[in-house]
Protein backbone atom coordinates (compact mmCIF):
# COMPACT_ATOMS: atom_id res chain seq x y z
CA UNK A 1 -15.89 10.88 29.94
CA UNK A 2 -13.10 12.79 31.37
CA UNK A 3 -13.42 14.59 34.90
CA UNK A 4 -13.96 18.14 34.61
CA UNK A 5 -14.00 20.77 37.45
CA UNK A 6 -16.06 23.86 37.14
CA UNK A 7 -15.76 27.42 38.51
CA UNK A 8 -18.40 29.68 38.93
CA UNK A 9 -21.16 29.95 41.40
CA UNK A 10 -22.03 27.40 44.14
CA UNK A 11 -25.04 26.49 45.13
CA UNK A 12 -25.93 28.59 48.01
CA UNK A 13 -24.16 31.31 49.59
CA UNK A 14 -20.88 30.93 47.60
CA UNK A 15 -19.27 28.68 50.41
CA UNK A 16 -16.79 26.06 49.57
CA UNK A 17 -17.99 22.69 48.37
CA UNK A 18 -19.22 19.93 50.69
CA UNK A 19 -15.73 18.07 51.70
CA UNK A 20 -13.48 21.22 51.46
CA UNK A 21 -14.10 22.40 54.90
CA UNK A 22 -15.33 25.93 56.55
CA UNK A 23 -18.29 26.87 58.42
CA UNK A 24 -21.89 27.18 56.66
CA UNK A 25 -22.98 30.51 55.11
CA UNK A 26 -23.92 33.03 57.64
CA UNK A 27 -22.19 31.39 60.73
CA UNK A 28 -19.26 33.41 60.76
CA UNK A 29 -16.88 32.16 58.31
CA UNK A 30 -13.45 33.30 57.62
CA UNK A 31 -12.81 36.82 56.19
CA UNK A 32 -12.10 37.41 52.35
CA UNK A 33 -8.52 35.89 51.84
CA UNK A 34 -8.25 33.98 54.94
CA UNK A 35 -8.69 30.22 54.30
CA UNK A 36 -11.13 30.54 51.68
CA UNK A 37 -11.22 27.99 48.66
CA UNK A 38 -9.16 28.43 45.73
CA UNK A 39 -10.11 30.02 42.58
CA UNK A 40 -12.46 27.94 40.85
CA UNK A 41 -13.46 25.54 43.73
CA UNK A 42 -16.37 27.94 45.15
CA UNK A 43 -16.53 30.97 46.39
CA UNK A 44 -18.60 34.40 45.58
CA UNK A 45 -17.67 36.13 42.37
CA UNK A 46 -15.12 38.13 42.69
CA UNK A 47 -15.83 41.80 43.82
CA UNK A 48 -19.03 40.79 44.96
CA UNK A 49 -20.06 39.38 48.22
CA UNK A 50 -22.18 36.60 46.69
CA UNK A 51 -25.74 36.90 45.68
CA UNK A 52 -28.84 38.23 47.57
CA UNK A 53 -30.47 35.73 50.14
CA UNK A 54 -27.99 33.13 49.62
CA UNK A 55 -29.09 32.09 46.37
CA UNK A 56 -26.08 31.01 44.33
CA UNK A 57 -27.82 30.69 40.92
CA UNK A 58 -28.51 34.00 38.84
CA UNK A 59 -31.51 32.41 37.90
CA UNK A 60 -33.00 32.91 41.40
CA UNK A 61 -32.03 36.79 41.54
CA UNK A 62 -31.15 38.21 38.15
CA UNK A 63 -34.37 40.73 36.62
CA UNK A 64 -36.63 38.36 34.57
CA UNK A 65 -36.34 40.76 31.79
CA UNK A 66 -32.74 40.28 31.61
CA UNK A 67 -32.85 36.40 31.91
CA UNK A 68 -35.45 36.25 29.05
CA UNK A 69 -33.06 37.73 26.63
CA UNK A 70 -30.50 35.58 27.67
CA UNK A 71 -32.23 32.17 27.40
CA UNK A 72 -35.40 32.99 25.14
CA UNK A 73 -33.51 35.00 22.18
CA UNK A 74 -31.00 32.20 21.63
CA UNK A 75 -33.68 29.20 22.01
CA UNK A 76 -35.78 31.17 19.60
CA UNK A 77 -33.02 31.38 17.01
CA UNK A 78 -31.89 27.94 17.88
CA UNK A 79 -35.58 26.74 16.69
CA UNK A 80 -35.80 28.99 14.12
CA UNK A 81 -32.57 27.55 12.61
CA UNK A 82 -34.11 23.98 13.23
CA UNK A 83 -36.82 24.92 11.27
CA UNK A 84 -34.88 26.19 8.34
CA UNK A 85 -33.16 22.72 7.97
CA UNK A 86 -36.70 21.87 6.42
CA UNK A 87 -37.47 25.09 5.15
CA UNK A 88 -34.26 25.47 2.79
CA UNK A 89 -34.61 21.83 1.70
CA UNK A 90 -37.88 22.79 0.23
CA UNK A 91 -36.76 25.91 -1.11
CA UNK A 92 -34.19 24.04 -2.84
CA UNK A 93 -35.70 21.08 -4.22
CA UNK A 94 -39.08 23.09 -5.15
CA UNK A 95 -37.30 25.26 -7.60
CA UNK A 96 -34.82 22.35 -8.87
CA UNK A 97 -37.83 19.80 -9.12
CA UNK A 98 -41.03 21.20 -8.68
CA UNK A 99 -44.36 20.32 -6.60
CA UNK A 100 -43.40 16.45 -6.65
CA UNK A 101 -40.05 17.35 -4.74
CA UNK A 102 -42.17 19.47 -1.99
CA UNK A 103 -44.82 16.47 -1.89
CA UNK A 104 -42.08 13.96 -0.99
CA UNK A 105 -40.35 16.11 1.62
CA UNK A 106 -44.25 16.18 2.92
CA UNK A 107 -44.33 12.77 2.93
CA UNK A 108 -40.96 12.42 4.72
CA UNK A 109 -41.61 14.67 6.99
CA UNK A 110 -43.37 12.51 9.96
CA UNK A 111 -40.01 11.15 10.38
CA UNK A 112 -38.42 14.69 11.22
CA UNK A 113 -40.88 15.05 13.65
CA UNK A 114 -40.47 11.62 15.28
CA UNK A 115 -36.79 12.55 15.72
CA UNK A 116 -37.88 15.75 17.30
CA UNK A 117 -40.41 14.00 19.81
CA UNK A 118 -37.52 11.64 21.13
CA UNK A 119 -34.97 14.87 21.06
CA UNK A 120 -37.74 16.68 23.42
CA UNK A 121 -38.61 14.06 25.27
CA UNK A 122 -35.01 13.42 26.59
CA UNK A 123 -33.69 17.13 25.74
CA UNK A 124 -36.74 19.43 27.67
CA UNK A 125 -37.15 16.24 30.00
CA UNK A 126 -33.69 16.21 31.14
CA UNK A 127 -33.01 20.24 31.34
CA UNK A 128 -35.98 20.40 33.28
CA UNK A 129 -35.28 17.87 35.88
CA UNK A 130 -31.83 19.22 35.93
CA UNK A 131 -32.84 22.61 36.75
CA UNK A 132 -35.62 21.68 39.24
CA UNK A 133 -32.99 19.67 41.10
CA UNK A 134 -30.41 22.17 40.96
CA UNK A 135 -32.94 24.89 42.38
CA UNK A 136 -33.82 22.63 45.09
CA UNK A 137 -29.83 22.62 45.97
CA UNK A 138 -29.21 19.18 45.04
CA UNK A 139 -25.91 19.48 42.86
CA UNK A 140 -25.04 15.65 43.21
CA UNK A 141 -28.29 14.27 41.79
CA UNK A 142 -28.80 16.95 38.71
CA UNK A 143 -25.98 15.78 36.80
CA UNK A 144 -27.54 12.27 36.74
CA UNK A 145 -30.35 13.56 34.66
CA UNK A 146 -27.97 15.67 32.09
CA UNK A 147 -25.76 12.25 31.39
CA UNK A 148 -28.79 10.01 31.22
CA UNK A 149 -30.68 12.22 28.78
CA UNK A 150 -27.78 12.47 26.30
CA UNK A 151 -27.15 8.80 26.54
CA UNK A 152 -30.56 8.00 25.44
CA UNK A 153 -30.29 10.29 22.78
CA UNK A 154 -27.52 8.59 21.09
CA UNK A 155 -29.27 5.44 21.56
CA UNK A 156 -32.91 6.11 20.44
CA UNK A 157 -31.37 7.74 17.36
CA UNK A 158 -29.50 4.54 16.32
CA UNK A 159 -32.76 2.47 16.69
CA UNK A 160 -35.14 4.71 15.08
CA UNK A 161 -32.31 5.23 11.87
CA UNK A 162 -32.08 1.29 11.94
CA UNK A 163 -35.95 0.64 11.91
CA UNK A 164 -36.53 3.48 9.20
CA UNK A 165 -33.89 1.94 6.84
CA UNK A 166 -35.19 -1.65 7.16
CA UNK A 167 -39.22 -0.57 6.58
CA UNK A 168 -38.56 2.46 4.37
CA UNK A 169 -40.89 1.54 1.37
CA UNK A 170 -44.07 0.07 3.66
CA UNK A 171 -43.50 3.13 5.94
CA UNK A 172 -43.46 5.76 3.27
CA UNK A 173 -46.85 4.25 1.37
CA UNK A 174 -48.42 4.53 5.08
CA UNK A 175 -47.57 8.01 5.23
CA UNK A 176 -49.68 8.68 2.18
CA UNK A 177 -47.17 8.21 -0.86
CA UNK A 178 -48.77 7.97 -4.36
CA UNK A 179 -47.15 6.38 -6.76
CA UNK A 180 -46.03 9.27 -8.53
CA UNK A 181 -44.33 10.74 -5.35
CA UNK A 182 -42.96 7.29 -3.99
CA UNK A 183 -39.54 7.48 -5.80
CA UNK A 184 -38.51 10.96 -4.67
CA UNK A 185 -39.75 10.28 -1.21
CA UNK A 186 -37.18 6.90 -1.12
CA UNK A 187 -34.47 8.58 -2.32
CA UNK A 188 -34.74 11.44 0.08
CA UNK A 189 -35.19 9.41 3.44
CA UNK A 190 -32.77 6.38 2.20
CA UNK A 191 -29.93 9.26 3.53
CA UNK A 192 -31.59 11.43 5.89
CA UNK A 193 -32.51 8.32 7.80
CA UNK A 194 -28.55 7.99 8.53
CA UNK A 195 -28.60 11.53 10.18
CA UNK A 196 -31.26 10.54 12.62
CA UNK A 197 -28.76 9.85 15.56
CA UNK A 198 -26.96 13.38 14.56
CA UNK A 199 -30.49 15.07 14.64
CA UNK A 200 -31.45 13.91 17.64
CA UNK A 201 -28.27 14.53 19.86
CA UNK A 202 -27.76 17.49 18.18
CA UNK A 203 -31.66 18.80 18.95
CA UNK A 204 -32.27 17.29 22.45
CA UNK A 205 -28.42 18.11 23.35
CA UNK A 206 -28.84 21.58 23.04
CA UNK A 207 -31.63 21.89 25.61
CA UNK A 208 -29.33 20.23 27.90
CA UNK A 209 -26.53 22.72 27.01
CA UNK A 210 -28.97 25.52 27.57
CA UNK A 211 -29.86 24.36 31.05
CA UNK A 212 -26.40 24.54 31.93
CA UNK A 213 -26.46 28.11 31.43
CA UNK A 214 -24.90 28.33 28.09
CA UNK A 215 -27.78 29.50 25.64
CA UNK A 216 -25.48 30.61 23.42
CA UNK A 217 -23.54 27.74 22.66
CA UNK A 218 -26.60 26.07 21.72
CA UNK A 219 -27.65 28.95 19.09
CA UNK A 220 -24.23 28.51 17.67
CA UNK A 221 -24.76 24.50 17.52
CA UNK A 222 -27.72 25.40 15.69
CA UNK A 223 -26.91 28.10 12.93
CA UNK A 224 -23.72 25.98 12.75
CA UNK A 225 -25.62 23.30 11.21
CA UNK A 226 -28.26 25.27 9.49
CA UNK A 227 -25.19 27.41 7.16
CA UNK A 228 -23.65 24.18 6.18
CA UNK A 229 -26.94 22.63 5.18
CA UNK A 230 -27.96 26.12 3.14
CA UNK A 231 -24.20 25.99 1.63
CA UNK A 232 -24.22 22.70 1.00
CA UNK A 233 -27.87 22.46 -0.30
CA UNK A 234 -26.80 25.30 -2.91
CA UNK A 235 -23.75 23.41 -3.98
CA UNK A 236 -25.57 19.62 -3.87
CA UNK A 237 -28.84 20.41 -5.48
CA UNK A 238 -28.29 23.34 -7.55
CA UNK A 239 -24.57 23.02 -8.30
CA UNK A 240 -24.27 19.25 -8.87
CA UNK A 241 -27.62 18.57 -9.97
CA UNK A 242 -28.17 15.77 -7.32
CA UNK A 243 -31.61 16.70 -6.62
CA UNK A 244 -33.54 14.59 -3.89
CA UNK A 245 -30.14 12.91 -3.01
CA UNK A 246 -28.07 16.08 -2.31
CA UNK A 247 -30.66 18.09 -0.45
CA UNK A 248 -30.64 14.97 1.80
CA UNK A 249 -26.95 14.63 2.14
CA UNK A 250 -26.61 18.24 3.05
CA UNK A 251 -28.79 17.81 5.55
CA UNK A 252 -27.03 14.80 7.04
CA UNK A 253 -23.54 16.58 7.15
CA UNK A 254 -24.97 19.62 8.68
CA UNK A 255 -26.45 17.45 11.37
CA UNK A 256 -23.11 15.67 12.14
CA UNK A 257 -21.70 19.18 12.75
CA UNK A 258 -24.68 20.33 15.17
CA UNK A 259 -24.03 16.80 16.91
CA UNK A 260 -20.09 17.27 17.38
CA UNK A 261 -21.02 20.63 19.02
CA UNK A 262 -23.23 19.19 21.66
CA UNK A 263 -20.65 16.51 22.40
CA UNK A 264 -17.32 18.69 22.64
CA UNK A 265 -19.65 20.95 25.35
CA UNK A 266 -20.33 17.77 27.20
CA UNK A 267 -16.58 17.74 28.55
CA UNK A 268 -16.58 21.29 29.59
CA UNK A 269 -20.13 21.39 31.77
CA UNK A 270 -20.42 24.74 34.04
CA UNK A 271 -22.81 24.26 36.80
CA UNK A 272 -21.84 20.72 37.89
CA UNK A 273 -19.29 17.81 37.86
CA UNK A 274 -20.29 15.33 34.84
CA UNK A 275 -18.55 11.95 35.13
CA UNK A 276 -18.75 8.95 33.06
CA UNK A 277 -20.83 7.24 35.39
CA UNK A 278 -23.67 9.76 34.95
CA UNK A 279 -23.89 8.62 31.53
CA UNK A 280 -24.96 4.99 32.41
CA UNK A 281 -28.89 4.87 32.12
CA UNK A 282 -30.73 4.35 35.33
CA UNK A 283 -34.22 3.23 34.93
CA UNK A 284 -35.69 5.58 37.95
CA UNK A 285 -33.63 8.88 36.11
CA UNK A 286 -35.13 7.94 32.81
CA UNK A 287 -38.48 7.41 33.94
CA UNK A 288 -38.32 10.40 35.46
CA UNK A 289 -37.06 12.47 32.81
CA UNK A 290 -39.81 10.72 30.44
CA UNK A 291 -42.63 11.80 32.90
CA UNK A 292 -41.18 15.36 32.50
CA UNK A 293 -40.48 15.31 29.11
CA UNK A 294 -43.95 13.66 27.84
CA UNK A 295 -45.56 16.76 27.14
CA UNK A 296 -43.19 17.96 24.75
CA UNK A 297 -42.79 14.55 23.13
CA UNK A 298 -46.44 14.24 22.60
CA UNK A 299 -46.82 17.31 20.97
CA UNK A 300 -44.43 16.12 18.37
CA UNK A 301 -45.81 12.64 18.21
CA UNK A 302 -48.76 14.35 17.79
CA UNK A 303 -47.81 16.45 14.77
CA UNK A 304 -46.32 12.85 13.24
CA UNK A 305 -49.79 11.41 13.47
CA UNK A 306 -51.58 14.67 12.24
CA UNK A 307 -49.22 14.46 9.16
CA UNK A 308 -49.71 11.07 8.41
CA UNK A 309 -53.38 11.55 8.44
CA UNK A 310 -53.42 14.99 6.43
CA UNK A 311 -51.12 12.81 3.78
CA UNK A 312 -53.68 10.21 3.27
CA UNK A 313 -56.82 12.66 3.11
CA UNK A 314 -55.29 14.84 0.86
CA UNK A 315 -54.08 11.91 -1.44
CA UNK A 316 -58.00 10.48 -1.13
CA UNK A 317 -60.14 13.63 -1.04
CA UNK A 318 -57.36 15.58 -3.76
CA UNK A 319 -57.69 12.74 -5.84
CA UNK A 320 -61.67 13.05 -5.91
CA UNK A 321 -61.29 16.90 -6.69
CA UNK A 322 -59.98 18.81 -9.73
CA UNK A 323 -56.65 19.50 -7.73
CA UNK A 324 -55.47 15.98 -7.80
CA UNK A 325 -53.63 14.13 -5.08
CA UNK A 326 -50.49 15.67 -5.85
CA UNK A 327 -50.71 19.39 -5.46
CA UNK A 328 -52.81 19.45 -2.11
CA UNK A 329 -50.09 17.37 -0.59
CA UNK A 330 -47.23 19.63 -1.90
CA UNK A 331 -49.15 22.60 -0.70
CA UNK A 332 -49.94 21.02 3.01
CA UNK A 333 -46.12 20.55 3.26
CA UNK A 334 -45.12 24.09 2.50
CA UNK A 335 -48.07 25.47 4.89
CA UNK A 336 -46.43 23.28 7.21
CA UNK A 337 -43.05 24.06 6.90
CA UNK A 338 -44.01 27.91 6.90
CA UNK A 339 -46.17 27.77 10.06
CA UNK A 340 -42.84 25.69 11.66
CA UNK A 341 -41.24 29.27 11.48
CA UNK A 342 -43.91 30.92 13.84
CA UNK A 343 -44.49 28.22 16.00
CA UNK A 344 -40.67 27.74 16.16
CA UNK A 345 -40.45 31.30 17.54
CA UNK A 346 -42.99 30.77 19.97
CA UNK A 347 -41.86 27.23 21.05
CA UNK A 348 -37.99 29.20 21.66
CA UNK A 349 -39.70 31.56 23.33
CA UNK A 350 -41.53 28.97 25.83
CA UNK A 351 -38.54 27.07 26.14
CA UNK A 352 -36.26 30.03 26.90
CA UNK A 353 -38.92 30.45 29.92
CA UNK A 354 -38.21 26.85 31.04
CA UNK A 355 -34.72 27.32 33.17
CA UNK A 356 -36.59 30.37 35.06
CA UNK A 357 -39.97 28.95 35.50
CA UNK A 358 -38.32 25.87 36.90
CA UNK A 359 -35.86 27.17 39.09
CA UNK A 360 -37.95 29.89 40.92
CA UNK A 361 -41.03 27.38 41.25
CA UNK A 362 -38.49 24.81 43.01
CA UNK A 363 -37.13 28.03 44.89
CA UNK A 364 -40.75 28.96 45.77
CA UNK A 365 -40.28 32.41 44.27
CA UNK A 366 -43.57 32.29 42.57
CA UNK A 367 -43.96 36.04 41.48
CA UNK A 368 -40.72 35.40 39.16
CA UNK A 369 -42.36 32.10 37.75
CA UNK A 370 -45.53 34.72 36.71
CA UNK A 371 -43.54 37.12 35.61
CA UNK A 372 -41.58 34.97 33.15
CA UNK A 373 -44.86 33.21 31.72
CA UNK A 374 -46.71 36.75 31.39
CA UNK A 375 -43.71 37.75 29.41
CA UNK A 376 -43.62 34.93 27.19
CA UNK A 377 -47.28 35.22 26.26
CA UNK A 378 -47.37 38.80 25.46
CA UNK A 379 -44.40 38.50 23.14
CA UNK A 380 -45.70 34.94 21.67
CA UNK A 381 -49.17 37.15 20.87
CA UNK A 382 -47.42 39.94 19.15
CA UNK A 383 -45.22 37.70 17.19
CA UNK A 384 -47.93 35.60 15.99
CA UNK A 385 -50.42 38.34 14.91
CA UNK A 386 -47.77 39.79 12.89
CA UNK A 387 -47.80 36.14 11.06
CA UNK A 388 -51.65 36.42 10.83
CA UNK A 389 -51.10 39.72 8.73
CA UNK A 390 -48.65 38.16 6.16
CA UNK A 391 -50.32 35.05 5.66
CA UNK A 392 -53.66 36.60 4.90
CA UNK A 393 -52.28 39.05 2.45
CA UNK A 394 -49.63 37.25 0.86
CA UNK A 395 -50.42 33.48 0.29
CA UNK A 396 -49.57 33.35 -3.47
CA UNK A 397 -46.17 35.33 -3.05
CA UNK A 398 -45.42 32.77 -0.21
CA UNK A 399 -46.21 29.50 -2.25
CA UNK A 400 -44.17 31.29 -4.97
CA UNK A 401 -40.73 30.97 -3.13
CA UNK A 402 -41.25 27.24 -3.24
CA UNK A 403 -42.11 26.64 -6.96
CA UNK A 404 -40.75 26.43 -10.14
CA UNK A 405 -42.47 27.01 -13.56
CA UNK A 406 -43.52 23.60 -13.39
CA UNK A 407 -46.45 24.55 -10.77
CA UNK A 408 -50.09 24.37 -12.10
CA UNK A 409 -52.54 27.23 -11.45
CA UNK A 410 -54.20 24.72 -9.54
CA UNK A 411 -51.01 24.40 -7.32
CA UNK A 412 -51.63 28.26 -6.31
CA UNK A 413 -55.57 28.16 -6.56
CA UNK A 414 -55.89 25.65 -3.35
CA UNK A 415 -52.62 26.55 -1.94
CA UNK A 416 -53.66 30.51 -1.32
CA UNK A 417 -57.31 29.28 -0.08
CA UNK A 418 -55.28 26.36 2.11
CA UNK A 419 -52.88 28.95 3.48
CA UNK A 420 -55.64 31.45 4.67
CA UNK A 421 -57.93 29.15 5.89
CA UNK A 422 -55.82 26.97 7.76
CA UNK A 423 -53.78 29.53 9.52
CA UNK A 424 -56.50 31.56 10.31
CA UNK A 425 -56.03 31.18 13.99
CA UNK A 426 -52.23 31.39 13.66
CA UNK A 427 -52.61 34.52 16.32
CA UNK A 428 -54.23 32.32 18.81
CA UNK A 429 -51.59 29.73 18.23
CA UNK A 430 -48.75 30.68 21.07
CA UNK A 431 -51.13 29.68 24.02
CA UNK A 432 -50.90 26.13 23.53
CA UNK A 433 -46.84 25.62 23.56
CA UNK A 434 -46.61 28.38 26.20
CA UNK A 435 -48.64 26.90 28.61
CA UNK A 436 -47.66 23.24 27.84
CA UNK A 437 -44.02 24.28 28.53
CA UNK A 438 -44.94 25.91 31.59
CA UNK A 439 -46.88 23.26 33.09
CA UNK A 440 -43.69 20.76 32.42
CA UNK A 441 -41.24 23.52 33.87
CA UNK A 442 -43.04 23.31 36.99
CA UNK A 443 -43.18 19.51 37.29
CA UNK A 444 -46.60 18.78 36.39
CA UNK A 445 -46.34 16.84 33.46
CA UNK A 446 -49.74 14.95 33.33
CA UNK A 447 -51.35 18.12 32.40
CA UNK A 448 -48.52 19.44 30.36
CA UNK A 449 -49.14 16.04 28.32
CA UNK A 450 -52.99 16.55 28.24
CA UNK A 451 -52.55 20.37 26.98
CA UNK A 452 -50.10 18.75 24.26
CA UNK A 453 -52.48 16.69 22.91
CA UNK A 454 -55.42 19.05 22.68
CA UNK A 455 -55.09 20.67 19.37
CA UNK A 456 -53.49 17.70 17.54
CA UNK A 457 -55.02 14.47 18.90
CA UNK A 458 -58.28 15.48 20.60
CA UNK A 459 -59.46 17.96 18.08
CA UNK A 460 -57.49 18.22 14.90
CA UNK A 461 -57.21 14.17 14.09
CA UNK A 462 -61.39 13.95 14.65
CA UNK A 463 -62.08 16.96 12.53
CA UNK A 464 -59.72 16.01 9.78
CA UNK A 465 -61.65 12.62 9.63
CA UNK A 466 -65.04 13.82 10.08
CA UNK A 467 -65.72 17.06 8.25
CA UNK A 468 -64.16 15.65 4.80
CA UNK A 469 -67.08 13.35 5.00
CA UNK A 470 -69.38 16.03 4.49
CA UNK A 471 -67.31 18.72 2.66
CA UNK A 472 -64.53 16.44 1.09
CA UNK A 473 -61.31 18.26 0.47
CA UNK A 474 -62.72 21.62 1.96
CA UNK A 475 -63.43 19.74 5.05
CA UNK A 476 -59.72 19.23 5.13
CA UNK A 477 -58.81 22.74 4.90
CA UNK A 478 -61.33 23.64 7.91
CA UNK A 479 -60.39 21.25 10.30
CA UNK A 480 -56.97 23.16 11.48
CA UNK A 481 -58.37 26.68 12.67
CA UNK A 482 -61.39 24.85 14.60
CA UNK A 483 -58.78 22.89 16.70
CA UNK A 484 -56.70 25.85 17.16
CA UNK A 485 -59.46 27.53 18.40
CA UNK A 486 -60.73 24.70 21.06
CA UNK A 487 -57.24 24.24 21.89
CA UNK A 488 -56.64 27.86 22.86
CA UNK A 489 -59.82 28.00 24.85
CA UNK A 490 -58.69 24.85 26.92
CA UNK A 491 -54.95 26.54 27.61
CA UNK A 492 -56.66 29.46 28.90
CA UNK A 493 -58.93 27.66 31.47
CA UNK A 494 -55.96 25.51 32.75
CA UNK A 495 -53.77 28.50 32.92
CA UNK A 496 -56.22 30.17 34.79
CA UNK A 497 -56.76 27.60 37.00
CA UNK A 498 -53.27 27.05 37.92
CA UNK A 499 -52.23 30.44 38.70
CA UNK A 500 -55.20 30.77 41.12
CA UNK A 501 -53.70 27.88 42.89
CA UNK A 502 -49.97 29.76 42.92
CA UNK A 503 -51.77 32.53 44.33
CA UNK A 504 -53.47 30.86 47.26
CA UNK A 505 -50.09 29.17 48.10
CA UNK A 506 -48.38 32.64 48.23
CA UNK A 507 -50.59 33.62 50.92
CA UNK A 508 -50.02 30.48 53.04
């Protein structure tokens, strides 16, 4: 990668970078204009005597509310746009093909969540390490976290794509595909697998870009992909009648667009120098990134496992019910995608707090850490409550967006019941991702990983296995809300204990 020199803020008091010369801040440096470094090399912003208390990064002194607006809103938009990739495909496929097409996207969904797991492992992990290191004032070490993360995103994307294409049919059967669904799922994944490296780089790289202080670029990256996907879906699926293949090709092209924006930005980092040597994977750097990013990664892997278990449970117990296997799988796929909209807002909100919490925790400004956290909780709770009301009042209308005239009455009957019950505790769902991201941001990955596993692995999967033994398909329906309630309770207890510890440190 070509060397870049970045203007902007120095790491401490706005003094010249190491090796340029000049006294340290506060020791009597030359007056303005007398031997100061040239523009773009260092020094305080024009017209300002440097930020307060010698802190060169705005994360350490700008109002938390303003920083939340700057980082959280683009992050929310980015996550929403990412969710729209699957939602848009679902809408066009549902209207063009019907429930079997929707069921096929549900069977294929674990591939997407597995890619997201890798993207968040190195995206969130790399971004958190990058910001934590900058917060400690180490601008020499920080770019290694960004560069290594970007390299690993590409490498693992290629590996996952190859494994998927080689073992496509057995993987789809393992994910719950029935004989009626399998041909649609194969046609869809055969093309989308080619885009996995671009999906992973575009998603994970967006977090690195945001950590570098460019949340708007991350937003543009995601919005561009979503717009391209929507336009091409309309052309390929409805206009040309390509069906599942058309939706898949549209998705891949959109992912390529997003990934290219990330690649272009990599040549223009703002806060640090980024050399080609920073891209060479180092075991020490990669292991640190993984330790921090595990919480977000495991959360996505847990969703992957849950989707597989859920598909197989609905295939088995649905086949024993009056609804059959295909309609319940189609409904569950739609409900998961609809819930992703709300969950994406909350996750985007949590991710928007990550640079603020990481930097200020590293700088020991705990009041700012707490302020960002509680702002995220209050906003997430309001959004989740609004979604709960919509899910309870308009389930049939929501399902109707994803269906054509081939949809049976059983599709609407089971779907309305499943949506209302499964998402009953939506208003509490904001707590787990916000608290989990908080632990990741402050460099406590073990707690973050544990909390990310509570809802999906510790509670939902055991309930999904046990309850249907007694209540058949109704047991599948009730497993979700019970798991939501239990995981929210654990998140509250863990957050309370951590903030008690922070409060004690403030008075030491």
